[in-house]
Amino acid sequence: MNFKNSRAIFFEDSSIPRLLSFVSPIEINAITLGPFVFSRNKVSEITRNHENIHWQQYIELGILGFLLMYMLYYVIGLIKYRNAKIAYCLIPFEQEAYSNHEDLEYLKNRKRYCWLKYKV
């Protein structure tokens, strides 16, 4: 099965991002949890692209692997920078997604494990 062309399933107008924002260092507008994306509002093409980049990262690491690595990078950032917002911004998965979410063609040519080139 070719997962390179796989896209997440979106749920708009969800309360999940609002609830998770209470325990997050940022206000969450949309969040990818496995193959599902929950968004507070209607999803823009840029947000859709950002979250689909995360879905590809999930595919590379498996759902549990992605979540564990995401938290590990976040904790490393917290220890290193002592700032929750900076720690979040320096997670390699987020760096890749934010750096490329405006390029709506990015996923067509994205190489596997591109997030590895970003540093914490």
C-alpha atoms as a PDB file:
ATOM      1  CA  MET A   1       0.000   0.000   0.000  1.00  0.00           C
ATOM      2  CA  ASN A   2       1.319   3.459  -0.917  1.00  0.00           C
ATOM      3  CA  PHE A   3       0.958   5.723   2.098  1.00  0.00           C
ATOM      4  CA  LYS A   4       2.825   8.625   0.477  1.00  0.00           C
ATOM      5  CA  ASN A   5      -0.448   9.866  -1.007  1.00  0.00           C
ATOM      6  CA  SER A   6      -2.445   9.174   2.145  1.00  0.00           C
ATOM      7  CA  ARG A   7      -4.204  12.179   3.670  1.00  0.00           C
ATOM      8  CA  ALA A   8      -5.654  12.721   7.125  1.00  0.00           C
ATOM      9  CA  ILE A   9      -9.370  12.773   7.877  1.00  0.00           C
ATOM     10  CA  PHE A  10     -10.531  16.216   9.013  1.00  0.00           C
ATOM     11  CA  PHE A  11     -13.169  17.116  11.587  1.00  0.00           C
ATOM     12  CA  GLU A  12     -14.008  20.814  11.584  1.00  0.00           C
ATOM     13  CA  ASP A  13     -15.707  22.779  14.375  1.00  0.00           C
ATOM     14  CA  SER A  14     -14.398  20.338  16.974  1.00  0.00           C
ATOM     15  CA  SER A  15     -14.117  21.083  20.699  1.00  0.00           C
ATOM     16  CA  ILE A  16     -11.007  18.872  21.035  1.00  0.00           C
ATOM     17  CA  PRO A  17      -8.514  21.675  20.180  1.00  0.00           C
ATOM     18  CA  ARG A  18     -10.191  23.976  22.723  1.00  0.00           C
ATOM     19  CA  LEU A  19      -9.968  21.325  25.449  1.00  0.00           C
ATOM     20  CA  LEU A  20      -6.342  20.423  24.684  1.00  0.00           C
ATOM     21  CA  SER A  21      -5.351  24.110  24.687  1.00  0.00           C
ATOM     22  CA  PHE A  22      -5.782  24.093  28.467  1.00  0.00           C
ATOM     23  CA  VAL A  23      -2.731  21.810  28.820  1.00  0.00           C
ATOM     24  CA  SER A  24      -0.739  23.072  25.834  1.00  0.00           C
ATOM     25  CA  PRO A  25       1.925  25.806  25.671  1.00  0.00           C
ATOM     26  CA  ILE A  26       0.066  27.270  22.674  1.00  0.00           C
ATOM     27  CA  GLU A  27      -3.548  27.797  21.727  1.00  0.00           C
ATOM     28  CA  ILE A  28      -4.358  24.867  19.470  1.00  0.00           C
ATOM     29  CA  ASN A  29      -6.282  25.646  16.301  1.00  0.00           C
ATOM     30  CA  ALA A  30      -5.932  22.145  14.816  1.00  0.00           C
ATOM     31  CA  ILE A  31      -4.307  18.931  15.985  1.00  0.00           C
ATOM     32  CA  THR A  32      -3.428  15.692  14.251  1.00  0.00           C
ATOM     33  CA  LEU A  33      -4.051  12.578  16.310  1.00  0.00           C
ATOM     34  CA  GLY A  34      -3.151   9.603  14.179  1.00  0.00           C
ATOM     35  CA  PRO A  35      -5.050   9.796  10.893  1.00  0.00           C
ATOM     36  CA  PHE A  36      -7.542  12.290  12.313  1.00  0.00           C
ATOM     37  CA  VAL A  37      -7.302  16.074  12.417  1.00  0.00           C
ATOM     38  CA  PHE A  38      -9.534  18.034  14.756  1.00  0.00           C
ATOM     39  CA  SER A  39      -9.954  21.730  14.019  1.00  0.00           C
ATOM     40  CA  ARG A  40     -11.737  24.516  15.875  1.00  0.00           C
ATOM     41  CA  ASN A  41     -12.943  26.086  12.638  1.00  0.00           C
ATOM     42  CA  LYS A  42     -13.104  25.509   8.918  1.00  0.00           C
ATOM     43  CA  VAL A  43      -9.693  24.281   7.765  1.00  0.00           C
ATOM     44  CA  SER A  44      -7.688  26.466   5.364  1.00  0.00           C
ATOM     45  CA  GLU A  45      -5.551  24.845   2.657  1.00  0.00           C
ATOM     46  CA  ILE A  46      -2.403  25.878   4.559  1.00  0.00           C
ATOM     47  CA  THR A  47      -3.626  24.268   7.779  1.00  0.00           C
ATOM     48  CA  ARG A  48      -4.729  21.198   5.820  1.00  0.00           C
ATOM     49  CA  ASN A  49      -1.214  20.957   4.336  1.00  0.00           C
ATOM     50  CA  HIS A  50       0.449  21.479   7.755  1.00  0.00           C
ATOM     51  CA  GLU A  51      -1.615  18.711   9.346  1.00  0.00           C
ATOM     52  CA  ASN A  52      -1.101  16.358   6.397  1.00  0.00           C
ATOM     53  CA  ILE A  53       2.667  16.835   6.839  1.00  0.00           C
ATOM     54  CA  HIS A  54       2.161  15.633  10.418  1.00  0.00           C
ATOM     55  CA  TRP A  55       0.132  12.673   9.156  1.00  0.00           C
ATOM     56  CA  GLN A  56       3.062  11.677   6.925  1.00  0.00           C
ATOM     57  CA  GLN A  57       5.354  11.912   9.970  1.00  0.00           C
ATOM     58  CA  TYR A  58       2.965   9.610  11.861  1.00  0.00           C
ATOM     59  CA  ILE A  59       3.134   7.123   8.982  1.00  0.00           C
ATOM     60  CA  GLU A  60       6.948   7.135   9.176  1.00  0.00           C
ATOM     61  CA  LEU A  61       7.121   6.477  12.912  1.00  0.00           C
ATOM     62  CA  GLY A  62       3.827   4.780  13.689  1.00  0.00           C
ATOM     63  CA  ILE A  63       1.277   6.478  15.899  1.00  0.00           C
ATOM     64  CA  LEU A  64       2.913   5.576  19.202  1.00  0.00           C
ATOM     65  CA  GLY A  65       6.418   6.280  17.880  1.00  0.00           C
ATOM     66  CA  PHE A  66       5.416   9.728  16.649  1.00  0.00           C
ATOM     67  CA  LEU A  67       3.721  10.649  19.934  1.00  0.00           C
ATOM     68  CA  LEU A  68       6.688   9.436  21.998  1.00  0.00           C
ATOM     69  CA  MET A  69       9.225  11.244  19.814  1.00  0.00           C
ATOM     70  CA  TYR A  70       7.112  14.412  19.809  1.00  0.00           C
ATOM     71  CA  MET A  71       6.994  14.438  23.620  1.00  0.00           C
ATOM     72  CA  LEU A  72      10.708  13.576  23.884  1.00  0.00           C
ATOM     73  CA  TYR A  73      11.669  16.482  21.614  1.00  0.00           C
ATOM     74  CA  TYR A  74       9.370  18.773  23.586  1.00  0.00           C
ATOM     75  CA  VAL A  75      10.903  17.749  26.939  1.00  0.00           C
ATOM     76  CA  ILE A  76      14.439  18.160  25.543  1.00  0.00           C
ATOM     77  CA  GLY A  77      13.472  21.659  24.370  1.00  0.00           C
ATOM     78  CA  LEU A  78      12.003  22.496  27.786  1.00  0.00           C
ATOM     79  CA  ILE A  79      15.180  21.398  29.546  1.00  0.00           C
ATOM     80  CA  LYS A  80      17.427  23.173  27.052  1.00  0.00           C
ATOM     81  CA  TYR A  81      15.513  26.461  26.701  1.00  0.00           C
ATOM     82  CA  ARG A  82      13.286  26.566  29.821  1.00  0.00           C
ATOM     83  CA  ASN A  83      10.483  28.035  27.730  1.00  0.00           C
ATOM     84  CA  ALA A  84       7.405  26.038  26.686  1.00  0.00           C
ATOM     85  CA  LYS A  85       6.667  28.049  23.547  1.00  0.00           C
ATOM     86  CA  ILE A  86      10.263  27.829  22.294  1.00  0.00           C
ATOM     87  CA  ALA A  87      10.336  24.103  23.120  1.00  0.00           C
ATOM     88  CA  TYR A  88       7.190  23.605  21.007  1.00  0.00           C
ATOM     89  CA  CYS A  89       8.523  25.665  18.086  1.00  0.00           C
ATOM     90  CA  LEU A  90      11.775  23.687  18.007  1.00  0.00           C
ATOM     91  CA  ILE A  91      10.184  20.238  17.777  1.00  0.00           C
ATOM     92  CA  PRO A  92      11.552  18.952  14.437  1.00  0.00           C
ATOM     93  CA  PHE A  93       8.079  17.774  13.370  1.00  0.00           C
ATOM     94  CA  GLU A  94       6.725  21.299  13.852  1.00  0.00           C
ATOM     95  CA  GLN A  95       9.739  22.883  12.168  1.00  0.00           C
ATOM     96  CA  GLU A  96       9.178  20.797   9.053  1.00  0.00           C
ATOM     97  CA  ALA A  97       5.425  21.477   9.015  1.00  0.00           C
ATOM     98  CA  TYR A  98       5.733  25.243   9.598  1.00  0.00           C
ATOM     99  CA  SER A  99       8.598  25.589   7.107  1.00  0.00           C
ATOM    100  CA  ASN A 100       6.605  23.937   4.336  1.00  0.00           C
ATOM    101  CA  HIS A 101       2.901  24.377   5.015  1.00  0.00           C
ATOM    102  CA  GLU A 102       2.503  27.250   2.537  1.00  0.00           C
ATOM    103  CA  ASP A 103       3.955  25.106  -0.268  1.00  0.00           C
ATOM    104  CA  LEU A 104       0.822  23.236  -1.307  1.00  0.00           C
ATOM    105  CA  GLU A 105       2.944  21.015  -3.587  1.00  0.00           C
ATOM    106  CA  TYR A 106       5.358  20.022  -0.785  1.00  0.00           C
ATOM    107  CA  LEU A 107       3.859  16.618  -0.042  1.00  0.00           C
ATOM    108  CA  LYS A 108       4.088  15.546  -3.685  1.00  0.00           C
ATOM    109  CA  ASN A 109       7.905  15.642  -3.561  1.00  0.00           C
ATOM    110  CA  ARG A 110       8.607  15.236   0.155  1.00  0.00           C
ATOM    111  CA  LYS A 111      11.253  12.667   0.983  1.00  0.00           C
ATOM    112  CA  ARG A 112      10.664  10.349   3.920  1.00  0.00           C
ATOM    113  CA  TYR A 113      12.034  11.442   7.321  1.00  0.00           C
ATOM    114  CA  CYS A 114      12.641  15.060   6.224  1.00  0.00           C
ATOM    115  CA  TRP A 115      12.046  16.180   9.809  1.00  0.00           C
ATOM    116  CA  LEU A 116      15.446  14.687  10.737  1.00  0.00           C
ATOM    117  CA  LYS A 117      17.250  17.642   9.142  1.00  0.00           C
ATOM    118  CA  TYR A 118      15.755  20.019  11.744  1.00  0.00           C
ATOM    119  CA  LYS A 119      17.520  20.480  15.082  1.00  0.00           C
ATOM    120  CA  VAL A 120      16.155  20.882  18.598  1.00  0.00           C
END
